[in-house]
């Protein structure tokens, strides 16, 4: 993952959404791990929230951030499993965006290196909605590590070559 030091680093404003019926701010280890990685990379944590596993609440929160000019990207953690309460992918589908299927595919490939076939239970996914990237990670700190260190950290670095998500941002609303 080559970084071209001659290119300018452009910080991305990232909102973090933890999806959980059981976690509060004191127990949000995956949100904390993500916030730490975002700040260490030089990006801005634009906002942070915890929402219950409720598709309507998730959609409302995400629409608010999508419409906020101070948010370039949203990363969710949690709600991507296969149980009845896991509704993050369904909430993202309701936003009407453009899917980024390679994100989930690559996440599961990376996760397989850590947890083997258990990665099949993950429905990690991503999309771009009205010019805002949204990435949905599982709720464990290991998933945050795999997702950020292996995919999002490099792709949200404007210096990453041969291409990255940041350089596409000005063109996301093209018609």
Protein backbone atom coordinates (compact mmCIF):
# COMPACT_ATOMS: atom_id res chain seq x y z
CA UNK A 1 0.00 0.00 0.00
CA UNK A 2 2.26 2.74 -1.26
CA UNK A 3 2.01 6.25 0.14
CA UNK A 4 3.29 9.00 -2.14
CA UNK A 5 4.80 11.53 0.30
CA UNK A 6 4.91 14.16 -2.45
CA UNK A 7 1.08 14.33 -2.44
CA UNK A 8 -0.80 16.47 0.07
CA UNK A 9 -2.57 14.75 2.95
CA UNK A 10 -6.23 15.80 3.07
CA UNK A 11 -7.99 15.08 6.38
CA UNK A 12 -11.41 13.44 6.06
CA UNK A 13 -14.25 14.33 8.45
CA UNK A 14 -15.60 11.02 9.71
CA UNK A 15 -18.67 10.33 11.85
CA UNK A 16 -18.70 7.14 13.93
CA UNK A 17 -21.93 5.27 14.62
CA UNK A 18 -21.92 2.36 17.04
CA UNK A 19 -24.97 0.14 16.57
CA UNK A 20 -25.81 -1.77 19.74
CA UNK A 21 -28.67 -2.65 22.05
CA UNK A 22 -26.29 -3.22 24.95
CA UNK A 23 -23.40 -0.75 24.76
CA UNK A 24 -23.24 2.72 26.18
CA UNK A 25 -20.33 5.16 25.92
CA UNK A 26 -18.38 3.40 28.69
CA UNK A 27 -18.58 0.02 26.92
CA UNK A 28 -18.02 1.21 23.35
CA UNK A 29 -14.59 -0.32 22.83
CA UNK A 30 -14.97 -0.69 19.06
CA UNK A 31 -16.06 2.95 18.71
CA UNK A 32 -13.11 3.99 20.88
CA UNK A 33 -10.69 1.91 18.79
CA UNK A 34 -12.05 3.46 15.60
CA UNK A 35 -11.90 7.02 16.96
CA UNK A 36 -8.30 6.45 18.05
CA UNK A 37 -7.29 5.16 14.62
CA UNK A 38 -9.04 8.02 12.83
CA UNK A 39 -7.30 10.66 14.96
CA UNK A 40 -3.91 8.94 14.74
CA UNK A 41 -4.19 8.96 10.94
CA UNK A 42 -4.75 12.74 10.99
CA UNK A 43 -8.46 12.72 10.19
CA UNK A 44 -11.25 14.44 12.13
CA UNK A 45 -13.92 12.68 14.18
CA UNK A 46 -16.78 14.89 12.99
CA UNK A 47 -19.40 13.30 15.28
CA UNK A 48 -20.00 10.14 17.24
CA UNK A 49 -23.17 8.39 18.41
CA UNK A 50 -24.60 5.12 19.64
CA UNK A 51 -27.94 3.90 18.28
CA UNK A 52 -29.99 0.81 19.09
CA UNK A 53 -30.40 -1.90 16.47
CA UNK A 54 -33.42 -0.20 14.91
CA UNK A 55 -33.43 0.41 11.17
CA UNK A 56 -35.63 3.52 11.38
CA UNK A 57 -33.31 5.15 13.94
CA UNK A 58 -30.23 4.20 11.93
CA UNK A 59 -31.69 5.61 8.71
CA UNK A 60 -32.65 8.88 10.44
CA UNK A 61 -29.17 9.28 11.99
CA UNK A 62 -27.45 8.47 8.69
CA UNK A 63 -29.61 10.90 6.68
CA UNK A 64 -28.67 13.62 9.17
CA UNK A 65 -24.99 13.00 8.68
CA UNK A 66 -25.30 12.61 4.90
CA UNK A 67 -26.90 16.06 4.77
CA UNK A 68 -24.27 17.59 7.09
CA UNK A 69 -21.58 19.38 5.08
CA UNK A 70 -19.15 18.73 7.96
CA UNK A 71 -19.32 14.94 7.43
CA UNK A 72 -17.48 13.36 4.49
CA UNK A 73 -17.72 9.76 5.60
CA UNK A 74 -19.57 7.60 8.14
CA UNK A 75 -18.20 4.41 9.63
CA UNK A 76 -20.59 2.20 11.56
CA UNK A 77 -19.61 -0.59 13.88
CA UNK A 78 -22.10 -3.30 14.82
CA UNK A 79 -25.36 -4.68 13.54
CA UNK A 80 -23.85 -6.53 10.56
CA UNK A 81 -24.42 -10.09 11.79
CA UNK A 82 -27.15 -12.54 10.88
CA UNK A 83 -29.40 -12.39 13.94
CA UNK A 84 -32.86 -10.87 13.88
CA UNK A 85 -31.67 -7.68 15.58
CA UNK A 86 -28.79 -7.07 13.13
CA UNK A 87 -30.21 -4.50 10.70
CA UNK A 88 -27.33 -2.23 9.67
CA UNK A 89 -27.09 -3.52 6.06
CA UNK A 90 -30.86 -3.19 5.67
CA UNK A 91 -30.70 0.39 6.95
CA UNK A 92 -27.95 1.23 4.45
CA UNK A 93 -30.01 -0.31 1.64
CA UNK A 94 -32.89 2.01 2.52
CA UNK A 95 -30.69 5.07 1.92
CA UNK A 96 -30.82 4.54 -1.83
CA UNK A 97 -27.11 4.87 -2.52
CA UNK A 98 -24.57 3.19 -4.72
CA UNK A 99 -23.17 -0.04 -3.28
CA UNK A 100 -19.42 -0.60 -2.99
CA UNK A 101 -19.41 -4.43 -3.05
CA UNK A 102 -15.63 -4.77 -3.02
CA UNK A 103 -15.51 -3.40 0.52
CA UNK A 104 -17.43 -6.31 2.05
CA UNK A 105 -15.60 -8.83 -0.09
CA UNK A 106 -12.18 -7.50 0.88
CA UNK A 107 -13.20 -7.15 4.54
CA UNK A 108 -14.20 -10.82 4.73
CA UNK A 109 -10.99 -11.87 2.99
CA UNK A 110 -8.90 -9.91 5.51
CA UNK A 111 -11.03 -11.10 8.42
CA UNK A 112 -10.58 -14.71 7.31
CA UNK A 113 -6.87 -14.30 8.07
CA UNK A 114 -7.80 -13.56 11.73
CA UNK A 115 -10.94 -15.56 12.49
CA UNK A 116 -11.17 -18.16 9.74
CA UNK A 117 -14.55 -19.27 8.51
CA UNK A 118 -16.36 -17.29 11.22
CA UNK A 119 -16.05 -14.33 8.87
CA UNK A 120 -18.93 -15.79 6.84
CA UNK A 121 -21.27 -14.43 9.55
CA UNK A 122 -20.29 -10.84 8.70
CA UNK A 123 -22.39 -8.72 6.39
CA UNK A 124 -19.90 -5.85 6.30
CA UNK A 125 -20.88 -3.53 3.47
CA UNK A 126 -20.43 -0.04 2.07
CA UNK A 127 -22.13 2.51 -0.13
CA UNK A 128 -21.97 6.13 -1.18
CA UNK A 129 -25.11 8.20 -0.66
CA UNK A 130 -25.48 11.78 -1.91
CA UNK A 131 -21.71 12.27 -1.87
CA UNK A 132 -21.05 10.65 1.54
CA UNK A 133 -19.21 7.37 1.99
CA UNK A 134 -20.75 4.91 4.48
CA UNK A 135 -18.84 1.84 5.65
CA UNK A 136 -20.45 -0.76 7.94
CA UNK A 137 -18.10 -2.86 10.05
CA UNK A 138 -18.94 -5.60 12.54
CA UNK A 139 -18.97 -4.53 16.19
CA UNK A 140 -15.77 -6.13 17.49
CA UNK A 141 -12.46 -4.37 18.02
CA UNK A 142 -10.87 -7.02 15.78
CA UNK A 143 -13.24 -6.05 12.98
CA UNK A 144 -12.35 -2.38 13.46
CA UNK A 145 -8.67 -3.29 13.25
CA UNK A 146 -9.15 -5.36 10.09
CA UNK A 147 -11.43 -2.80 8.47
CA UNK A 148 -9.42 0.31 9.30
CA UNK A 149 -5.87 -1.01 9.11
CA UNK A 150 -6.46 -3.17 6.05
CA UNK A 151 -8.87 -1.07 3.97
CA UNK A 152 -10.14 2.26 5.26
CA UNK A 153 -6.90 3.72 6.60
CA UNK A 154 -5.16 3.39 3.24
CA UNK A 155 -8.19 4.22 1.10
CA UNK A 156 -9.00 7.35 3.12
CA UNK A 157 -5.43 8.60 2.78
CA UNK A 158 -5.22 11.03 -0.14
CA UNK A 159 -1.59 10.03 -0.68
CA UNK A 160 -2.37 6.34 -1.26
CA UNK A 161 -1.51 5.17 -4.77
CA UNK A 162 -2.47 4.17 -7.34
CA UNK A 163 -5.91 5.47 -6.24
CA UNK A 164 -7.98 6.19 -3.15
CA UNK A 165 -11.48 7.18 -2.02
CA UNK A 166 -10.44 10.75 -1.17
CA UNK A 167 -9.50 11.71 -4.71
CA UNK A 168 -13.00 10.64 -5.84
CA UNK A 169 -14.83 12.82 -3.31
CA UNK A 170 -15.15 15.90 -5.58
CA UNK A 171 -16.78 13.69 -8.24
CA UNK A 172 -19.23 11.70 -6.11
CA UNK A 173 -22.17 13.93 -7.01
CA UNK A 174 -21.51 13.93 -10.75
CA UNK A 175 -24.42 13.12 -13.04
